[in-house]
Amino acid sequence: MFTQNEAFLAEFWDNMLSREPQKIIQSFKPLNQHDRQVVIDHLNRMLDEVGWHSEQRDSAQAALNALEEIFVEQERRKDHK
């Protein structure tokens, strides 16, 4: 049986690797800056490290692509202030 934290993490990573931009963004937005960086670093390691399956790499890339939209939008908002 999962603990509450394990269940949260399982659901979080299911969403992050779902290849569904809406799920990815909804899971990522509530994270603080430190946790966001941890997630991005992990996704990048999935792309770069040996041992990850091609499907996992594709899911990590899809997550990074979806997250890029968040950062682009945040930068646009900063520029218009």
C-alpha atoms as a PDB file:
ATOM      1  CA  MET A   1       0.000   0.000   0.000  1.00  0.00           C
ATOM      2  CA  PHE A   2       1.300   3.445  -0.938  1.00  0.00           C
ATOM      3  CA  THR A   3       1.831   6.093   1.674  1.00  0.00           C
ATOM      4  CA  GLN A   4       0.220   9.431   0.897  1.00  0.00           C
ATOM      5  CA  ASN A   5       3.563  10.827  -0.273  1.00  0.00           C
ATOM      6  CA  GLU A   6       4.288   7.798  -2.476  1.00  0.00           C
ATOM      7  CA  ALA A   7       0.805   8.030  -3.997  1.00  0.00           C
ATOM      8  CA  PHE A   8       1.338  11.741  -4.691  1.00  0.00           C
ATOM      9  CA  LEU A   9       4.702  11.067  -6.344  1.00  0.00           C
ATOM     10  CA  ALA A  10       3.303   8.206  -8.440  1.00  0.00           C
ATOM     11  CA  GLU A  11       0.440  10.380  -9.672  1.00  0.00           C
ATOM     12  CA  PHE A  12       2.740  13.356 -10.204  1.00  0.00           C
ATOM     13  CA  TRP A  13       5.151  11.401 -12.418  1.00  0.00           C
ATOM     14  CA  ASP A  14       2.285   9.672 -14.237  1.00  0.00           C
ATOM     15  CA  ASN A  15       1.027  13.137 -15.145  1.00  0.00           C
ATOM     16  CA  MET A  16       4.469  14.523 -15.973  1.00  0.00           C
ATOM     17  CA  LEU A  17       5.200  11.627 -18.323  1.00  0.00           C
ATOM     18  CA  SER A  18       1.683  11.404 -19.777  1.00  0.00           C
ATOM     19  CA  ARG A  19       2.548  13.390 -22.923  1.00  0.00           C
ATOM     20  CA  GLU A  20      -0.594  15.424 -22.207  1.00  0.00           C
ATOM     21  CA  PRO A  21       0.398  19.102 -21.936  1.00  0.00           C
ATOM     22  CA  GLN A  22      -2.547  20.030 -19.727  1.00  0.00           C
ATOM     23  CA  LYS A  23      -1.736  17.317 -17.160  1.00  0.00           C
ATOM     24  CA  ILE A  24       1.949  18.189 -17.264  1.00  0.00           C
ATOM     25  CA  ILE A  25       1.356  21.890 -16.689  1.00  0.00           C
ATOM     26  CA  GLN A  26      -1.259  21.347 -13.965  1.00  0.00           C
ATOM     27  CA  SER A  27       1.114  19.072 -12.063  1.00  0.00           C
ATOM     28  CA  PHE A  28       4.076  21.401 -12.443  1.00  0.00           C
ATOM     29  CA  LYS A  29       2.518  24.797 -11.656  1.00  0.00           C
ATOM     30  CA  PRO A  30       2.019  24.292  -7.890  1.00  0.00           C
ATOM     31  CA  LEU A  31       5.680  23.390  -7.343  1.00  0.00           C
ATOM     32  CA  ASN A  32       8.035  25.870  -5.746  1.00  0.00           C
ATOM     33  CA  GLN A  33      11.105  27.065  -7.656  1.00  0.00           C
ATOM     34  CA  HIS A  34      13.435  24.479  -6.109  1.00  0.00           C
ATOM     35  CA  ASP A  35      11.125  21.546  -6.859  1.00  0.00           C
ATOM     36  CA  ARG A  36      10.562  22.806 -10.396  1.00  0.00           C
ATOM     37  CA  GLN A  37      14.302  22.764 -10.981  1.00  0.00           C
ATOM     38  CA  VAL A  38      14.587  19.237  -9.537  1.00  0.00           C
ATOM     39  CA  VAL A  39      11.904  18.019 -11.952  1.00  0.00           C
ATOM     40  CA  ILE A  40      13.480  19.741 -14.963  1.00  0.00           C
ATOM     41  CA  ASP A  41      16.895  18.342 -14.058  1.00  0.00           C
ATOM     42  CA  HIS A  42      15.444  14.840 -13.788  1.00  0.00           C
ATOM     43  CA  LEU A  43      13.671  15.131 -17.143  1.00  0.00           C
ATOM     44  CA  ASN A  44      16.914  16.277 -18.749  1.00  0.00           C
ATOM     45  CA  ARG A  45      18.778  13.338 -17.202  1.00  0.00           C
ATOM     46  CA  MET A  46      16.162  11.032 -18.702  1.00  0.00           C
ATOM     47  CA  LEU A  47      17.132  12.415 -22.107  1.00  0.00           C
ATOM     48  CA  ASP A  48      20.887  12.258 -21.550  1.00  0.00           C
ATOM     49  CA  GLU A  49      21.599   9.212 -19.380  1.00  0.00           C
ATOM     50  CA  VAL A  50      22.048   5.690 -20.638  1.00  0.00           C
ATOM     51  CA  GLY A  51      19.444   3.180 -19.528  1.00  0.00           C
ATOM     52  CA  TRP A  52      16.202   5.017 -20.198  1.00  0.00           C
ATOM     53  CA  HIS A  53      13.818   3.379 -22.676  1.00  0.00           C
ATOM     54  CA  SER A  54      13.008   5.331 -25.842  1.00  0.00           C
ATOM     55  CA  GLU A  55       9.376   5.675 -24.719  1.00  0.00           C
ATOM     56  CA  GLN A  56      10.556   7.219 -21.446  1.00  0.00           C
ATOM     57  CA  ARG A  57      12.810   9.598 -23.358  1.00  0.00           C
ATOM     58  CA  ASP A  58       9.909  10.593 -25.606  1.00  0.00           C
ATOM     59  CA  SER A  59       7.732  11.249 -22.556  1.00  0.00           C
ATOM     60  CA  ALA A  60      10.459  13.330 -20.904  1.00  0.00           C
ATOM     61  CA  GLN A  61      10.871  15.383 -24.084  1.00  0.00           C
ATOM     62  CA  ALA A  62       7.100  15.927 -24.305  1.00  0.00           C
ATOM     63  CA  ALA A  63       7.102  17.143 -20.700  1.00  0.00           C
ATOM     64  CA  LEU A  64       9.976  19.541 -21.351  1.00  0.00           C
ATOM     65  CA  ASN A  65       8.208  20.851 -24.449  1.00  0.00           C
ATOM     66  CA  ALA A  66       5.014  21.487 -22.467  1.00  0.00           C
ATOM     67  CA  LEU A  67       6.964  23.163 -19.660  1.00  0.00           C
ATOM     68  CA  GLU A  68       8.721  25.405 -22.141  1.00  0.00           C
ATOM     69  CA  GLU A  69       5.313  26.937 -22.870  1.00  0.00           C
ATOM     70  CA  ILE A  70       5.007  27.970 -19.202  1.00  0.00           C
ATOM     71  CA  PHE A  71       8.368  29.700 -19.222  1.00  0.00           C
ATOM     72  CA  VAL A  72       7.736  31.439 -22.528  1.00  0.00           C
ATOM     73  CA  GLU A  73       4.421  32.774 -21.202  1.00  0.00           C
ATOM     74  CA  GLN A  74       6.010  33.926 -17.935  1.00  0.00           C
ATOM     75  CA  GLU A  75       8.730  35.774 -19.820  1.00  0.00           C
ATOM     76  CA  ARG A  76       6.111  37.473 -22.026  1.00  0.00           C
ATOM     77  CA  ARG A  77       4.261  38.655 -18.928  1.00  0.00           C
ATOM     78  CA  LYS A  78       7.484  40.022 -17.414  1.00  0.00           C
ATOM     79  CA  ASP A  79       8.278  41.896 -20.628  1.00  0.00           C
ATOM     80  CA  HIS A  80       4.827  43.549 -20.706  1.00  0.00           C
ATOM     81  CA  LYS A  81       4.971  44.863 -17.118  1.00  0.00           C
END
